[in-house]
Structures are given as structure tokens and as C-alpha cells.
Amino acid sequence: RIHDGITGRIGELYGQLAAADNAVIRIEDPLSGTTVPARVSRED
């Protein structure tokens, strides 16, 4: 579910990386309520 959430919002990460060296979005698992930070850098 988290994987699907990241790939579904990957454009947001790419958009942030176009302007900065690091990007982050928060993905919430609707069943558990857990939020996972998806942090990605240009180096990553």
C-alpha cells in the first residue's frame, strides 16, 4: 500500500527534485493510519 502510494504520487517527488536537491512527501496507510515519509534526493 505504501509502495502504491509512493508511485501514485511520484510526480510530486520529481517536481520537488526539479527545484531542490531533496524531496519529501508523506504517504499515509489508510488501514493502519501510519504515515511514512518518502524522502528522496538527487543523489538517491
PDB file of all heavy atoms in Angstrom:
ATOM      1  N   ARG A   1       0.839  -1.207   0.000  1.00  0.00           N
ATOM      2  CA  ARG A   1       0.000   0.000   0.000  1.00  0.00           C
ATOM      3  C   ARG A   1       0.869   1.251   0.000  1.00  0.00           C
ATOM      4  O   ARG A   1       0.581   2.219  -0.717  1.00  0.00           O
ATOM      5  CB  ARG A   1      -0.948  -0.016   1.197  1.00  0.00           C
ATOM      6  CG  ARG A   1      -2.061  -1.055   1.086  1.00  0.00           C
ATOM      7  CD  ARG A   1      -3.117  -0.880   2.166  1.00  0.00           C
ATOM      8  NE  ARG A   1      -2.600  -0.982   3.531  1.00  0.00           N
ATOM      9  CZ  ARG A   1      -2.502  -2.121   4.221  1.00  0.00           C
ATOM     10  NH1 ARG A   1      -2.890  -3.271   3.675  1.00  0.00           N
ATOM     11  NH2 ARG A   1      -2.040  -2.124   5.454  1.00  0.00           N
ATOM     12  N   ILE A   2       1.927   1.246   0.808  1.00  0.00           N
ATOM     13  CA  ILE A   2       2.843   2.397   0.847  1.00  0.00           C
ATOM     14  C   ILE A   2       3.545   2.534  -0.508  1.00  0.00           C
ATOM     15  O   ILE A   2       3.671   3.631  -1.052  1.00  0.00           O
ATOM     16  CB  ILE A   2       3.863   2.262   2.000  1.00  0.00           C
ATOM     17  CG1 ILE A   2       3.146   2.209   3.357  1.00  0.00           C
ATOM     18  CG2 ILE A   2       4.899   3.375   1.945  1.00  0.00           C
ATOM     19  CD1 ILE A   2       2.369   3.461   3.713  1.00  0.00           C
ATOM     20  N   HIS A   3       4.009   1.411  -1.061  1.00  0.00           N
ATOM     21  CA  HIS A   3       4.641   1.402  -2.383  1.00  0.00           C
ATOM     22  C   HIS A   3       3.717   2.038  -3.424  1.00  0.00           C
ATOM     23  O   HIS A   3       4.118   2.919  -4.189  1.00  0.00           O
ATOM     24  CB  HIS A   3       4.980  -0.045  -2.763  1.00  0.00           C
ATOM     25  CG  HIS A   3       5.628  -0.205  -4.089  1.00  0.00           C
ATOM     26  ND1 HIS A   3       4.927  -0.186  -5.271  1.00  0.00           N
ATOM     27  CD2 HIS A   3       6.933  -0.390  -4.425  1.00  0.00           C
ATOM     28  CE1 HIS A   3       5.751  -0.349  -6.286  1.00  0.00           C
ATOM     29  NE2 HIS A   3       6.981  -0.476  -5.796  1.00  0.00           N
ATOM     30  N   ASP A   4       2.456   1.609  -3.441  1.00  0.00           N
ATOM     31  CA  ASP A   4       1.489   2.148  -4.390  1.00  0.00           C
ATOM     32  C   ASP A   4       1.246   3.636  -4.156  1.00  0.00           C
ATOM     33  O   ASP A   4       1.073   4.410  -5.105  1.00  0.00           O
ATOM     34  CB  ASP A   4       0.167   1.383  -4.302  1.00  0.00           C
ATOM     35  CG  ASP A   4       0.294  -0.056  -4.781  1.00  0.00           C
ATOM     36  OD1 ASP A   4       1.324  -0.411  -5.402  1.00  0.00           O
ATOM     37  OD2 ASP A   4      -0.645  -0.849  -4.506  1.00  0.00           O
ATOM     38  N   GLY A   5       1.241   4.039  -2.874  1.00  0.00           N
ATOM     39  CA  GLY A   5       1.078   5.456  -2.557  1.00  0.00           C
ATOM     40  C   GLY A   5       2.228   6.293  -3.079  1.00  0.00           C
ATOM     41  O   GLY A   5       2.033   7.397  -3.592  1.00  0.00           O
ATOM     42  N   ILE A   6       3.440   5.763  -2.963  1.00  0.00           N
ATOM     43  CA  ILE A   6       4.619   6.492  -3.459  1.00  0.00           C
ATOM     44  C   ILE A   6       4.563   6.605  -4.976  1.00  0.00           C
ATOM     45  O   ILE A   6       4.710   7.695  -5.535  1.00  0.00           O
ATOM     46  CB  ILE A   6       5.922   5.804  -3.007  1.00  0.00           C
ATOM     47  CG1 ILE A   6       6.067   5.879  -1.487  1.00  0.00           C
ATOM     48  CG2 ILE A   6       7.140   6.441  -3.692  1.00  0.00           C
ATOM     49  CD1 ILE A   6       7.152   4.974  -0.921  1.00  0.00           C
ATOM     50  N   THR A   7       4.333   5.468  -5.656  1.00  0.00           N
ATOM     51  CA  THR A   7       4.321   5.519  -7.121  1.00  0.00           C
ATOM     52  C   THR A   7       3.158   6.356  -7.639  1.00  0.00           C
ATOM     53  O   THR A   7       3.275   6.995  -8.682  1.00  0.00           O
ATOM     54  CB  THR A   7       4.291   4.107  -7.746  1.00  0.00           C
ATOM     55  OG1 THR A   7       3.151   3.406  -7.267  1.00  0.00           O
ATOM     56  CG2 THR A   7       5.560   3.342  -7.417  1.00  0.00           C
ATOM     57  N   GLY A   8       2.062   6.395  -6.912  1.00  0.00           N
ATOM     58  CA  GLY A   8       0.930   7.226  -7.312  1.00  0.00           C
ATOM     59  C   GLY A   8       1.186   8.717  -7.187  1.00  0.00           C
ATOM     60  O   GLY A   8       0.533   9.519  -7.846  1.00  0.00           O
ATOM     61  N   ARG A   9       2.138   9.070  -6.345  1.00  0.00           N
ATOM     62  CA  ARG A   9       2.451  10.492  -6.126  1.00  0.00           C
ATOM     63  C   ARG A   9       3.896  10.814  -6.520  1.00  0.00           C
ATOM     64  O   ARG A   9       4.438  11.841  -6.117  1.00  0.00           O
ATOM     65  CB  ARG A   9       2.207  10.840  -4.662  1.00  0.00           C
ATOM     66  CG  ARG A   9       0.729  10.762  -4.284  1.00  0.00           C
ATOM     67  CD  ARG A   9       0.484  11.085  -2.827  1.00  0.00           C
ATOM     68  NE  ARG A   9       1.059  12.366  -2.430  1.00  0.00           N
ATOM     69  CZ  ARG A   9       1.311  12.703  -1.151  1.00  0.00           C
ATOM     70  NH1 ARG A   9       1.010  11.860  -0.187  1.00  0.00           N
ATOM     71  NH2 ARG A   9       1.833  13.872  -0.865  1.00  0.00           N
ATOM     72  N   ILE A  10       4.508   9.951  -7.328  1.00  0.00           N
ATOM     73  CA  ILE A  10       5.917  10.118  -7.673  1.00  0.00           C
ATOM     74  C   ILE A  10       6.173  11.452  -8.386  1.00  0.00           C
ATOM     75  O   ILE A  10       7.238  12.042  -8.246  1.00  0.00           O
ATOM     76  CB  ILE A  10       6.427   8.919  -8.517  1.00  0.00           C
ATOM     77  CG1 ILE A  10       7.955   8.836  -8.499  1.00  0.00           C
ATOM     78  CG2 ILE A  10       5.912   8.974  -9.935  1.00  0.00           C
ATOM     79  CD1 ILE A  10       8.508   8.178  -7.295  1.00  0.00           C
ATOM     80  N   GLY A  11       5.179  11.929  -9.121  1.00  0.00           N
ATOM     81  CA  GLY A  11       5.330  13.216  -9.809  1.00  0.00           C
ATOM     82  C   GLY A  11       5.618  14.361  -8.855  1.00  0.00           C
ATOM     83  O   GLY A  11       6.344  15.299  -9.196  1.00  0.00           O
ATOM     84  N   GLU A  12       5.066  14.286  -7.643  1.00  0.00           N
ATOM     85  CA  GLU A  12       5.343  15.319  -6.634  1.00  0.00           C
ATOM     86  C   GLU A  12       6.815  15.306  -6.249  1.00  0.00           C
ATOM     87  O   GLU A  12       7.430  16.358  -6.082  1.00  0.00           O
ATOM     88  CB  GLU A  12       4.474  15.105  -5.392  1.00  0.00           C
ATOM     89  CG  GLU A  12       2.995  15.323  -5.626  1.00  0.00           C
ATOM     90  CD  GLU A  12       2.178  14.990  -4.382  1.00  0.00           C
ATOM     91  OE1 GLU A  12       2.540  15.462  -3.285  1.00  0.00           O
ATOM     92  OE2 GLU A  12       1.182  14.252  -4.527  1.00  0.00           O
ATOM     93  N   LEU A  13       7.371  14.093  -6.100  1.00  0.00           N
ATOM     94  CA  LEU A  13       8.798  13.993  -5.770  1.00  0.00           C
ATOM     95  C   LEU A  13       9.648  14.562  -6.897  1.00  0.00           C
ATOM     96  O   LEU A  13      10.578  15.333  -6.669  1.00  0.00           O
ATOM     97  CB  LEU A  13       9.188  12.539  -5.491  1.00  0.00           C
ATOM     98  CG  LEU A  13       8.706  11.954  -4.175  1.00  0.00           C
ATOM     99  CD1 LEU A  13       8.977  10.452  -4.125  1.00  0.00           C
ATOM    100  CD2 LEU A  13       9.362  12.650  -2.997  1.00  0.00           C
ATOM    101  N   TYR A  14       9.321  14.172  -8.134  1.00  0.00           N
ATOM    102  CA  TYR A  14      10.083  14.680  -9.286  1.00  0.00           C
ATOM    103  C   TYR A  14       9.979  16.201  -9.376  1.00  0.00           C
ATOM    104  O   TYR A  14      10.959  16.879  -9.669  1.00  0.00           O
ATOM    105  CB  TYR A  14       9.590  14.050 -10.587  1.00  0.00           C
ATOM    106  CG  TYR A  14       9.888  12.582 -10.747  1.00  0.00           C
ATOM    107  CD1 TYR A  14       8.995  11.753 -11.412  1.00  0.00           C
ATOM    108  CD2 TYR A  14      11.053  12.004 -10.244  1.00  0.00           C
ATOM    109  CE1 TYR A  14       9.256  10.398 -11.585  1.00  0.00           C
ATOM    110  CE2 TYR A  14      11.314  10.657 -10.393  1.00  0.00           C
ATOM    111  CZ  TYR A  14      10.417   9.864 -11.069  1.00  0.00           C
ATOM    112  OH  TYR A  14      10.679   8.533 -11.232  1.00  0.00           O
ATOM    113  N   GLY A  15       8.786  16.726  -9.130  1.00  0.00           N
ATOM    114  CA  GLY A  15       8.596  18.181  -9.172  1.00  0.00           C
ATOM    115  C   GLY A  15       9.460  18.893  -8.142  1.00  0.00           C
ATOM    116  O   GLY A  15      10.065  19.929  -8.435  1.00  0.00           O
ATOM    117  N   GLN A  16       9.529  18.340  -6.929  1.00  0.00           N
ATOM    118  CA  GLN A  16      10.374  18.946  -5.896  1.00  0.00           C
ATOM    119  C   GLN A  16      11.849  18.841  -6.273  1.00  0.00           C
ATOM    120  O   GLN A  16      12.623  19.783  -6.057  1.00  0.00           O
ATOM    121  CB  GLN A  16      10.127  18.272  -4.546  1.00  0.00           C
ATOM    122  CG  GLN A  16       8.769  18.582  -3.940  1.00  0.00           C
ATOM    123  CD  GLN A  16       8.563  17.839  -2.633  1.00  0.00           C
ATOM    124  OE1 GLN A  16       9.502  17.632  -1.854  1.00  0.00           O
ATOM    125  NE2 GLN A  16       7.317  17.451  -2.366  1.00  0.00           N
ATOM    126  N   LEU A  17      12.248  17.684  -6.847  1.00  0.00           N
ATOM    127  CA  LEU A  17      13.656  17.492  -7.212  1.00  0.00           C
ATOM    128  C   LEU A  17      14.084  18.383  -8.375  1.00  0.00           C
ATOM    129  O   LEU A  17      15.271  18.630  -8.563  1.00  0.00           O
ATOM    130  CB  LEU A  17      13.935  16.028  -7.548  1.00  0.00           C
ATOM    131  CG  LEU A  17      13.950  15.079  -6.361  1.00  0.00           C
ATOM    132  CD1 LEU A  17      14.071  13.637  -6.830  1.00  0.00           C
ATOM    133  CD2 LEU A  17      15.082  15.426  -5.396  1.00  0.00           C
ATOM    134  N   ALA A  18      13.131  18.866  -9.146  1.00  0.00           N
ATOM    135  CA  ALA A  18      13.468  19.784 -10.233  1.00  0.00           C
ATOM    136  C   ALA A  18      13.962  21.119  -9.680  1.00  0.00           C
ATOM    137  O   ALA A  18      14.730  21.824 -10.339  1.00  0.00           O
ATOM    138  CB  ALA A  18      12.259  20.005 -11.139  1.00  0.00           C
ATOM    139  N   ALA A  19      13.555  21.443  -8.456  1.00  0.00           N
ATOM    140  CA  ALA A  19      13.916  22.734  -7.873  1.00  0.00           C
ATOM    141  C   ALA A  19      14.854  22.632  -6.674  1.00  0.00           C
ATOM    142  O   ALA A  19      15.369  23.643  -6.216  1.00  0.00           O
ATOM    143  CB  ALA A  19      12.637  23.465  -7.441  1.00  0.00           C
ATOM    144  N   ALA A  20      15.065  21.427  -6.150  1.00  0.00           N
ATOM    145  CA  ALA A  20      15.883  21.275  -4.944  1.00  0.00           C
ATOM    146  C   ALA A  20      16.627  19.941  -4.992  1.00  0.00           C
ATOM    147  O   ALA A  20      16.294  19.062  -5.782  1.00  0.00           O
ATOM    148  CB  ALA A  20      14.987  21.329  -3.699  1.00  0.00           C
ATOM    149  N   ASP A  21      17.612  19.814  -4.133  1.00  0.00           N
ATOM    150  CA  ASP A  21      18.405  18.584  -4.084  1.00  0.00           C
ATOM    151  C   ASP A  21      17.695  17.449  -3.353  1.00  0.00           C
ATOM    152  O   ASP A  21      18.073  16.287  -3.501  1.00  0.00           O
ATOM    153  CB  ASP A  21      19.751  18.840  -3.393  1.00  0.00           C
ATOM    154  CG  ASP A  21      20.669  19.706  -4.228  1.00  0.00           C
ATOM    155  OD1 ASP A  21      20.503  19.736  -5.466  1.00  0.00           O
ATOM    156  OD2 ASP A  21      21.558  20.350  -3.651  1.00  0.00           O
ATOM    157  N   ASN A  22      16.681  17.779  -2.547  1.00  0.00           N
ATOM    158  CA  ASN A  22      15.968  16.780  -1.758  1.00  0.00           C
ATOM    159  C   ASN A  22      14.467  16.998  -1.890  1.00  0.00           C
ATOM    160  O   ASN A  22      14.009  18.118  -2.089  1.00  0.00           O
ATOM    161  CB  ASN A  22      16.350  16.888  -0.275  1.00  0.00           C
ATOM    162  CG  ASN A  22      17.806  16.571  -0.051  1.00  0.00           C
ATOM    163  OD1 ASN A  22      18.205  15.423  -0.164  1.00  0.00           O
ATOM    164  ND2 ASN A  22      18.617  17.590   0.237  1.00  0.00           N
ATOM    165  N   ALA A  23      13.723  15.905  -1.752  1.00  0.00           N
ATOM    166  CA  ALA A  23      12.266  15.977  -1.827  1.00  0.00           C
ATOM    167  C   ALA A  23      11.678  15.062  -0.761  1.00  0.00           C
ATOM    168  O   ALA A  23      12.292  14.068  -0.383  1.00  0.00           O
ATOM    169  CB  ALA A  23      11.797  15.542  -3.212  1.00  0.00           C
ATOM    170  N   VAL A  24      10.483  15.405  -0.310  1.00  0.00           N
ATOM    171  CA  VAL A  24       9.791  14.542   0.657  1.00  0.00           C
ATOM    172  C   VAL A  24       8.288  14.692   0.469  1.00  0.00           C
ATOM    173  O   VAL A  24       7.777  15.789   0.248  1.00  0.00           O
ATOM    174  CB  VAL A  24      10.198  14.849   2.117  1.00  0.00           C
ATOM    175  CG1 VAL A  24       9.800  16.249   2.536  1.00  0.00           C
ATOM    176  CG2 VAL A  24       9.637  13.813   3.069  1.00  0.00           C
ATOM    177  N   ILE A  25       7.613  13.556   0.484  1.00  0.00           N
ATOM    178  CA  ILE A  25       6.156  13.525   0.584  1.00  0.00           C
ATOM    179  C   ILE A  25       5.824  12.551   1.704  1.00  0.00           C
ATOM    180  O   ILE A  25       6.642  11.713   2.064  1.00  0.00           O
ATOM    181  CB  ILE A  25       5.465  13.084  -0.739  1.00  0.00           C
ATOM    182  CG1 ILE A  25       5.951  11.700  -1.181  1.00  0.00           C
ATOM    183  CG2 ILE A  25       5.647  14.130  -1.827  1.00  0.00           C
ATOM    184  CD1 ILE A  25       5.214  11.135  -2.382  1.00  0.00           C
ATOM    185  N   ARG A  26       4.666  12.685   2.275  1.00  0.00           N
ATOM    186  CA  ARG A  26       4.257  11.784   3.345  1.00  0.00           C
ATOM    187  C   ARG A  26       3.121  10.909   2.816  1.00  0.00           C
ATOM    188  O   ARG A  26       2.132  11.413   2.308  1.00  0.00           O
ATOM    189  CB  ARG A  26       3.828  12.578   4.566  1.00  0.00           C
ATOM    190  CG  ARG A  26       4.973  13.429   5.098  1.00  0.00           C
ATOM    191  CD  ARG A  26       4.765  13.874   6.522  1.00  0.00           C
ATOM    192  NE  ARG A  26       5.891  14.669   6.975  1.00  0.00           N
ATOM    193  CZ  ARG A  26       7.075  14.181   7.334  1.00  0.00           C
ATOM    194  NH1 ARG A  26       7.283  12.891   7.300  1.00  0.00           N
ATOM    195  NH2 ARG A  26       8.041  14.974   7.738  1.00  0.00           N
ATOM    196  N   ILE A  27       3.312   9.615   2.966  1.00  0.00           N
ATOM    197  CA  ILE A  27       2.329   8.640   2.489  1.00  0.00           C
ATOM    198  C   ILE A  27       1.649   8.034   3.702  1.00  0.00           C
ATOM    199  O   ILE A  27       2.306   7.482   4.591  1.00  0.00           O
ATOM    200  CB  ILE A  27       3.011   7.524   1.662  1.00  0.00           C
ATOM    201  CG1 ILE A  27       3.829   8.108   0.517  1.00  0.00           C
ATOM    202  CG2 ILE A  27       1.978   6.524   1.172  1.00  0.00           C
ATOM    203  CD1 ILE A  27       3.036   8.869  -0.504  1.00  0.00           C
ATOM    204  N   GLU A  28       0.321   8.117   3.737  1.00  0.00           N
ATOM    205  CA  GLU A  28      -0.427   7.542   4.854  1.00  0.00           C
ATOM    206  C   GLU A  28      -1.058   6.223   4.416  1.00  0.00           C
ATOM    207  O   GLU A  28      -1.666   6.134   3.353  1.00  0.00           O
ATOM    208  CB  GLU A  28      -1.522   8.492   5.330  1.00  0.00           C
ATOM    209  CG  GLU A  28      -2.247   7.958   6.545  1.00  0.00           C
ATOM    210  CD  GLU A  28      -3.261   8.922   7.116  1.00  0.00           C
ATOM    211  OE1 GLU A  28      -3.196  10.118   6.806  1.00  0.00           O
ATOM    212  OE2 GLU A  28      -4.120   8.458   7.880  1.00  0.00           O
ATOM    213  N   ASP A  29      -0.870   5.214   5.239  1.00  0.00           N
ATOM    214  CA  ASP A  29      -1.530   3.919   5.023  1.00  0.00           C
ATOM    215  C   ASP A  29      -2.941   4.055   5.559  1.00  0.00           C
ATOM    216  O   ASP A  29      -3.138   4.245   6.767  1.00  0.00           O
ATOM    217  CB  ASP A  29      -0.771   2.810   5.742  1.00  0.00           C
ATOM    218  CG  ASP A  29      -1.467   1.466   5.619  1.00  0.00           C
ATOM    219  OD1 ASP A  29      -2.287   1.301   4.687  1.00  0.00           O
ATOM    220  OD2 ASP A  29      -1.185   0.579   6.437  1.00  0.00           O
ATOM    221  N   PRO A  30      -3.944   3.965   4.703  1.00  0.00           N
ATOM    222  CA  PRO A  30      -5.318   4.185   5.152  1.00  0.00           C
ATOM    223  C   PRO A  30      -5.819   3.142   6.162  1.00  0.00           C
ATOM    224  O   PRO A  30      -6.685   3.458   6.972  1.00  0.00           O
ATOM    225  CB  PRO A  30      -6.142   4.121   3.860  1.00  0.00           C
ATOM    226  CG  PRO A  30      -5.288   3.409   2.879  1.00  0.00           C
ATOM    227  CD  PRO A  30      -3.867   3.647   3.286  1.00  0.00           C
ATOM    228  N   LEU A  31      -5.255   1.952   6.144  1.00  0.00           N
ATOM    229  CA  LEU A  31      -5.736   0.914   7.072  1.00  0.00           C
ATOM    230  C   LEU A  31      -5.147   1.069   8.468  1.00  0.00           C
ATOM    231  O   LEU A  31      -5.856   0.940   9.463  1.00  0.00           O
ATOM    232  CB  LEU A  31      -5.436  -0.482   6.530  1.00  0.00           C
ATOM    233  CG  LEU A  31      -6.177  -0.856   5.239  1.00  0.00           C
ATOM    234  CD1 LEU A  31      -5.818  -2.267   4.804  1.00  0.00           C
ATOM    235  CD2 LEU A  31      -7.682  -0.733   5.434  1.00  0.00           C
ATOM    236  N   SER A  32      -3.854   1.349   8.552  1.00  0.00           N
ATOM    237  CA  SER A  32      -3.215   1.435   9.872  1.00  0.00           C
ATOM    238  C   SER A  32      -3.125   2.870  10.380  1.00  0.00           C
ATOM    239  O   SER A  32      -2.892   3.086  11.557  1.00  0.00           O
ATOM    240  CB  SER A  32      -1.804   0.831   9.810  1.00  0.00           C
ATOM    241  OG  SER A  32      -0.955   1.657   9.027  1.00  0.00           O
ATOM    242  N   GLY A  33      -3.276   3.841   9.476  1.00  0.00           N
ATOM    243  CA  GLY A  33      -3.129   5.238   9.876  1.00  0.00           C
ATOM    244  C   GLY A  33      -1.673   5.673   9.987  1.00  0.00           C
ATOM    245  O   GLY A  33      -1.385   6.812  10.317  1.00  0.00           O
ATOM    246  N   THR A  34      -0.746   4.764   9.721  1.00  0.00           N
ATOM    247  CA  THR A  34       0.686   5.063   9.774  1.00  0.00           C
ATOM    248  C   THR A  34       1.066   5.990   8.627  1.00  0.00           C
ATOM    249  O   THR A  34       0.598   5.830   7.504  1.00  0.00           O
ATOM    250  CB  THR A  34       1.519   3.758   9.635  1.00  0.00           C
ATOM    251  OG1 THR A  34       1.072   2.832  10.614  1.00  0.00           O
ATOM    252  CG2 THR A  34       2.995   4.026   9.779  1.00  0.00           C
ATOM    253  N   THR A  35       1.918   6.963   8.925  1.00  0.00           N
ATOM    254  CA  THR A  35       2.436   7.848   7.892  1.00  0.00           C
ATOM    255  C   THR A  35       3.917   7.559   7.698  1.00  0.00           C
ATOM    256  O   THR A  35       4.673   7.485   8.673  1.00  0.00           O
ATOM    257  CB  THR A  35       2.243   9.332   8.285  1.00  0.00           C
ATOM    258  OG1 THR A  35       0.839   9.569   8.457  1.00  0.00           O
ATOM    259  CG2 THR A  35       2.792  10.266   7.226  1.00  0.00           C
ATOM    260  N   VAL A  36       4.309   7.388   6.455  1.00  0.00           N
ATOM    261  CA  VAL A  36       5.699   7.081   6.108  1.00  0.00           C
ATOM    262  C   VAL A  36       6.251   8.235   5.288  1.00  0.00           C
ATOM    263  O   VAL A  36       5.648   8.618   4.278  1.00  0.00           O
ATOM    264  CB  VAL A  36       5.788   5.764   5.300  1.00  0.00           C
ATOM    265  CG1 VAL A  36       7.210   5.503   4.836  1.00  0.00           C
ATOM    266  CG2 VAL A  36       5.257   4.607   6.124  1.00  0.00           C
ATOM    267  N   PRO A  37       7.392   8.792   5.715  1.00  0.00           N
ATOM    268  CA  PRO A  37       7.990   9.849   4.899  1.00  0.00           C
ATOM    269  C   PRO A  37       8.736   9.230   3.706  1.00  0.00           C
ATOM    270  O   PRO A  37       9.542   8.328   3.879  1.00  0.00           O
ATOM    271  CB  PRO A  37       8.965  10.531   5.856  1.00  0.00           C
ATOM    272  CG  PRO A  37       9.322   9.466   6.849  1.00  0.00           C
ATOM    273  CD  PRO A  37       8.120   8.571   6.950  1.00  0.00           C
ATOM    274  N   ALA A  38       8.415   9.691   2.523  1.00  0.00           N
ATOM    275  CA  ALA A  38       9.132   9.251   1.321  1.00  0.00           C
ATOM    276  C   ALA A  38      10.127  10.349   0.985  1.00  0.00           C
ATOM    277  O   ALA A  38       9.777  11.348   0.373  1.00  0.00           O
ATOM    278  CB  ALA A  38       8.157   9.008   0.180  1.00  0.00           C
ATOM    279  N   ARG A  39      11.363  10.149   1.454  1.00  0.00           N
ATOM    280  CA  ARG A  39      12.428  11.126   1.224  1.00  0.00           C
ATOM    281  C   ARG A  39      13.313  10.616   0.102  1.00  0.00           C
ATOM    282  O   ARG A  39      13.752   9.465   0.125  1.00  0.00           O
ATOM    283  CB  ARG A  39      13.273  11.296   2.475  1.00  0.00           C
ATOM    284  CG  ARG A  39      12.603  12.033   3.578  1.00  0.00           C
ATOM    285  CD  ARG A  39      13.592  12.310   4.728  1.00  0.00           C
ATOM    286  NE  ARG A  39      12.972  13.148   5.722  1.00  0.00           N
ATOM    287  CZ  ARG A  39      12.222  12.693   6.714  1.00  0.00           C
ATOM    288  NH1 ARG A  39      12.005  11.403   6.847  1.00  0.00           N
ATOM    289  NH2 ARG A  39      11.682  13.528   7.580  1.00  0.00           N
ATOM    290  N   VAL A  40      13.590  11.484  -0.865  1.00  0.00           N
ATOM    291  CA  VAL A  40      14.442  11.125  -1.993  1.00  0.00           C
ATOM    292  C   VAL A  40      15.318  12.325  -2.328  1.00  0.00           C
ATOM    293  O   VAL A  40      14.846  13.463  -2.331  1.00  0.00           O
ATOM    294  CB  VAL A  40      13.599  10.740  -3.234  1.00  0.00           C
ATOM    295  CG1 VAL A  40      14.479  10.385  -4.413  1.00  0.00           C
ATOM    296  CG2 VAL A  40      12.664   9.597  -2.920  1.00  0.00           C
ATOM    297  N   SER A  41      16.575  12.045  -2.604  1.00  0.00           N
ATOM    298  CA  SER A  41      17.487  13.107  -3.033  1.00  0.00           C
ATOM    299  C   SER A  41      17.926  12.840  -4.466  1.00  0.00           C
ATOM    300  O   SER A  41      17.757  11.741  -4.993  1.00  0.00           O
ATOM    301  CB  SER A  41      18.722  13.153  -2.118  1.00  0.00           C
ATOM    302  OG  SER A  41      19.511  11.988  -2.319  1.00  0.00           O
ATOM    303  N   ARG A  42      18.498  13.850  -5.076  1.00  0.00           N
ATOM    304  CA  ARG A  42      19.060  13.654  -6.415  1.00  0.00           C
ATOM    305  C   ARG A  42      20.152  12.580  -6.369  1.00  0.00           C
ATOM    306  O   ARG A  42      20.281  11.778  -7.283  1.00  0.00           O
ATOM    307  CB  ARG A  42      19.626  14.961  -6.947  1.00  0.00           C
ATOM    308  CG  ARG A  42      18.561  15.981  -7.286  1.00  0.00           C
ATOM    309  CD  ARG A  42      19.160  17.251  -7.803  1.00  0.00           C
ATOM    310  NE  ARG A  42      18.129  18.243  -8.082  1.00  0.00           N
ATOM    311  CZ  ARG A  42      18.370  19.471  -8.426  1.00  0.00           C
ATOM    312  NH1 ARG A  42      19.620  19.895  -8.553  1.00  0.00           N
ATOM    313  NH2 ARG A  42      17.386  20.314  -8.662  1.00  0.00           N
ATOM    314  N   GLU A  43      20.888  12.569  -5.286  1.00  0.00           N
ATOM    315  CA  GLU A  43      21.934  11.546  -5.105  1.00  0.00           C
ATOM    316  C   GLU A  43      21.310  10.148  -5.042  1.00  0.00           C
ATOM    317  O   GLU A  43      21.847   9.193  -5.609  1.00  0.00           O
ATOM    318  CB  GLU A  43      22.726  11.843  -3.836  1.00  0.00           C
ATOM    319  CG  GLU A  43      23.914  10.938  -3.632  1.00  0.00           C
ATOM    320  CD  GLU A  43      24.696  11.341  -2.390  1.00  0.00           C
ATOM    321  OE1 GLU A  43      25.249  12.463  -2.380  1.00  0.00           O
ATOM    322  OE2 GLU A  43      24.750  10.524  -1.456  1.00  0.00           O
ATOM    323  N   ASP A  44      20.162  10.027  -4.354  1.00  0.00           N
ATOM    324  CA  ASP A  44      19.465   8.729  -4.301  1.00  0.00           C
ATOM    325  C   ASP A  44      19.087   8.264  -5.716  1.00  0.00           C
ATOM    326  O   ASP A  44      19.263   7.091  -6.040  1.00  0.00           O
ATOM    327  CB  ASP A  44      18.193   8.830  -3.454  1.00  0.00           C
ATOM    328  CG  ASP A  44      18.449   9.035  -1.985  1.00  0.00           C
ATOM    329  OD1 ASP A  44      19.500   8.590  -1.484  1.00  0.00           O
ATOM    330  OD2 ASP A  44      17.588   9.656  -1.324  1.00  0.00           O
TER     331      ASP A  44
END
